[in-house]
Amino acid sequence: MSSSAALPIPVLPTSEARGQLSSALRRFREGGALAAPVVFGAQRRPEGVVIPFELYAELLPVIEDVEIAHLVRERDKAGASVPLADVAAAIGLNPDDYQ
């Protein structure tokens, strides 16, 4: 997903972003979750972002959902899965014995 074209926020070189952290914190205190983030990266390509903690806390459930979706895709690429009962039977265990 490439969102760099949709960014209305300037992408700062890392050294400039570092220098603006104090002013960003002031903006975050004043603006809360709606304060503008600091986007930075090499050669003005967006690679990182600093956002208000309030916004991060609101986004955390969505971030967790995205992480889970990534894991599901990775596991899906790995191929077919084998039911646990089949694995247990293959090594001589009865799953009913462990309930």
C-alpha atoms as a PDB file:
ATOM      1  CA  MET A   1       0.000   0.000   0.000  1.00  0.00           C
ATOM      2  CA  SER A   2       1.605   3.243  -1.086  1.00  0.00           C
ATOM      3  CA  SER A   3       0.196   6.257   0.667  1.00  0.00           C
ATOM      4  CA  SER A   4       3.036   8.691   0.028  1.00  0.00           C
ATOM      5  CA  ALA A   5       1.143  10.382  -2.818  1.00  0.00           C
ATOM      6  CA  ALA A   6      -1.829  10.973  -0.514  1.00  0.00           C
ATOM      7  CA  LEU A   7       0.247  12.575   2.243  1.00  0.00           C
ATOM      8  CA  PRO A   8      -0.549  16.273   2.645  1.00  0.00           C
ATOM      9  CA  ILE A   9       2.200  16.440   5.283  1.00  0.00           C
ATOM     10  CA  PRO A  10       5.783  17.232   4.287  1.00  0.00           C
ATOM     11  CA  VAL A  11       8.329  14.434   4.661  1.00  0.00           C
ATOM     12  CA  LEU A  12      11.298  15.711   6.620  1.00  0.00           C
ATOM     13  CA  PRO A  13      14.868  14.475   6.462  1.00  0.00           C
ATOM     14  CA  THR A  14      15.664  12.564   9.654  1.00  0.00           C
ATOM     15  CA  SER A  15      17.983  15.258  11.000  1.00  0.00           C
ATOM     16  CA  GLU A  16      15.317  17.930  10.544  1.00  0.00           C
ATOM     17  CA  ALA A  17      12.649  15.723  12.154  1.00  0.00           C
ATOM     18  CA  ARG A  18      14.954  15.158  15.124  1.00  0.00           C
ATOM     19  CA  GLY A  19      15.290  18.918  15.506  1.00  0.00           C
ATOM     20  CA  GLN A  20      11.515  19.388  15.455  1.00  0.00           C
ATOM     21  CA  LEU A  21      10.639  16.857  18.173  1.00  0.00           C
ATOM     22  CA  SER A  22      10.312  19.485  20.917  1.00  0.00           C
ATOM     23  CA  SER A  23       7.925  21.588  18.850  1.00  0.00           C
ATOM     24  CA  ALA A  24       6.032  18.437  17.843  1.00  0.00           C
ATOM     25  CA  LEU A  25       5.523  17.572  21.512  1.00  0.00           C
ATOM     26  CA  ARG A  26       4.104  21.057  22.112  1.00  0.00           C
ATOM     27  CA  ARG A  27       1.714  20.536  19.165  1.00  0.00           C
ATOM     28  CA  PHE A  28       0.719  17.122  20.532  1.00  0.00           C
ATOM     29  CA  ARG A  29      -0.033  18.619  23.971  1.00  0.00           C
ATOM     30  CA  GLU A  30      -2.113  21.403  22.440  1.00  0.00           C
ATOM     31  CA  GLY A  31      -3.847  19.461  19.663  1.00  0.00           C
ATOM     32  CA  GLY A  32      -4.137  16.010  21.210  1.00  0.00           C
ATOM     33  CA  ALA A  33      -4.996  13.182  18.837  1.00  0.00           C
ATOM     34  CA  LEU A  34      -5.671  15.630  16.001  1.00  0.00           C
ATOM     35  CA  ALA A  35      -2.226  17.272  16.048  1.00  0.00           C
ATOM     36  CA  ALA A  36      -0.218  16.923  12.846  1.00  0.00           C
ATOM     37  CA  PRO A  37       2.285  14.053  12.901  1.00  0.00           C
ATOM     38  CA  VAL A  38       5.974  14.275  12.039  1.00  0.00           C
ATOM     39  CA  VAL A  39       6.731  12.242   8.909  1.00  0.00           C
ATOM     40  CA  PHE A  40      10.386  11.597   8.097  1.00  0.00           C
ATOM     41  CA  GLY A  41      12.694   9.551   5.935  1.00  0.00           C
ATOM     42  CA  ALA A  42      15.786   9.478   3.778  1.00  0.00           C
ATOM     43  CA  GLN A  43      15.567  11.527   0.603  1.00  0.00           C
ATOM     44  CA  ARG A  44      12.126  12.736   1.726  1.00  0.00           C
ATOM     45  CA  ARG A  45      10.587   9.282   1.211  1.00  0.00           C
ATOM     46  CA  PRO A  46       8.177   8.571   4.080  1.00  0.00           C
ATOM     47  CA  GLU A  47       9.734   5.862   6.262  1.00  0.00           C
ATOM     48  CA  GLY A  48       8.614   6.762   9.763  1.00  0.00           C
ATOM     49  CA  VAL A  49       6.072   8.830  11.595  1.00  0.00           C
ATOM     50  CA  VAL A  50       5.736  10.252  15.083  1.00  0.00           C
ATOM     51  CA  ILE A  51       2.139  10.686  16.193  1.00  0.00           C
ATOM     52  CA  PRO A  52       0.488  11.927  19.377  1.00  0.00           C
ATOM     53  CA  PHE A  53       0.181   9.170  21.972  1.00  0.00           C
ATOM     54  CA  GLU A  54      -3.553   9.903  22.243  1.00  0.00           C
ATOM     55  CA  LEU A  55      -3.950   8.991  18.574  1.00  0.00           C
ATOM     56  CA  TYR A  56      -1.778   5.889  18.974  1.00  0.00           C
ATOM     57  CA  ALA A  57      -3.971   4.710  21.870  1.00  0.00           C
ATOM     58  CA  GLU A  58      -7.083   5.152  19.712  1.00  0.00           C
ATOM     59  CA  LEU A  59      -5.469   3.303  16.789  1.00  0.00           C
ATOM     60  CA  LEU A  60      -4.095   0.399  18.823  1.00  0.00           C
ATOM     61  CA  PRO A  61      -7.073  -1.939  18.235  1.00  0.00           C
ATOM     62  CA  VAL A  62      -6.836  -1.299  14.491  1.00  0.00           C
ATOM     63  CA  ILE A  63      -3.068  -1.810  14.538  1.00  0.00           C
ATOM     64  CA  GLU A  64      -3.567  -5.160  16.280  1.00  0.00           C
ATOM     65  CA  ASP A  65      -6.125  -6.176  13.634  1.00  0.00           C
ATOM     66  CA  VAL A  66      -3.658  -5.296  10.873  1.00  0.00           C
ATOM     67  CA  GLU A  67      -0.915  -7.313  12.597  1.00  0.00           C
ATOM     68  CA  ILE A  68      -3.252 -10.313  12.842  1.00  0.00           C
ATOM     69  CA  ALA A  69      -4.182  -9.945   9.166  1.00  0.00           C
ATOM     70  CA  HIS A  70      -0.468 -10.014   8.257  1.00  0.00           C
ATOM     71  CA  LEU A  71       0.024 -13.197  10.291  1.00  0.00           C
ATOM     72  CA  VAL A  72      -2.981 -14.843   8.638  1.00  0.00           C
ATOM     73  CA  ARG A  73      -1.634 -13.986   5.169  1.00  0.00           C
ATOM     74  CA  GLU A  74       1.818 -15.362   6.053  1.00  0.00           C
ATOM     75  CA  ARG A  75       0.350 -18.593   7.364  1.00  0.00           C
ATOM     76  CA  ASP A  76      -1.922 -18.883   4.348  1.00  0.00           C
ATOM     77  CA  LYS A  77       1.113 -18.575   2.035  1.00  0.00           C
ATOM     78  CA  ALA A  78       2.777 -21.412   3.963  1.00  0.00           C
ATOM     79  CA  GLY A  79       0.258 -23.835   2.522  1.00  0.00           C
ATOM     80  CA  ALA A  80      -2.337 -26.223   3.825  1.00  0.00           C
ATOM     81  CA  SER A  81      -2.531 -26.852   7.532  1.00  0.00           C
ATOM     82  CA  VAL A  82      -2.979 -30.189   9.250  1.00  0.00           C
ATOM     83  CA  PRO A  83      -5.617 -30.588  11.966  1.00  0.00           C
ATOM     84  CA  LEU A  84      -4.177 -31.122  15.435  1.00  0.00           C
ATOM     85  CA  ALA A  85      -6.062 -34.403  15.775  1.00  0.00           C
ATOM     86  CA  ASP A  86      -4.226 -35.744  12.690  1.00  0.00           C
ATOM     87  CA  VAL A  87      -0.850 -34.707  14.094  1.00  0.00           C
ATOM     88  CA  ALA A  88      -1.682 -36.323  17.444  1.00  0.00           C
ATOM     89  CA  ALA A  89      -2.802 -39.543  15.732  1.00  0.00           C
ATOM     90  CA  ALA A  90       0.389 -39.615  13.652  1.00  0.00           C
ATOM     91  CA  ILE A  91       2.506 -39.687  16.813  1.00  0.00           C
ATOM     92  CA  GLY A  92       0.213 -42.087  18.654  1.00  0.00           C
ATOM     93  CA  LEU A  93      -1.668 -39.710  20.931  1.00  0.00           C
ATOM     94  CA  ASN A  94      -5.401 -39.554  21.501  1.00  0.00           C
ATOM     95  CA  PRO A  95      -6.499 -35.876  21.863  1.00  0.00           C
ATOM     96  CA  ASP A  96      -9.445 -37.016  24.020  1.00  0.00           C
ATOM     97  CA  ASP A  97      -6.955 -38.128  26.687  1.00  0.00           C
ATOM     98  CA  TYR A  98      -5.817 -34.510  27.161  1.00  0.00           C
ATOM     99  CA  GLN A  99      -9.116 -32.694  27.622  1.00  0.00           C
END
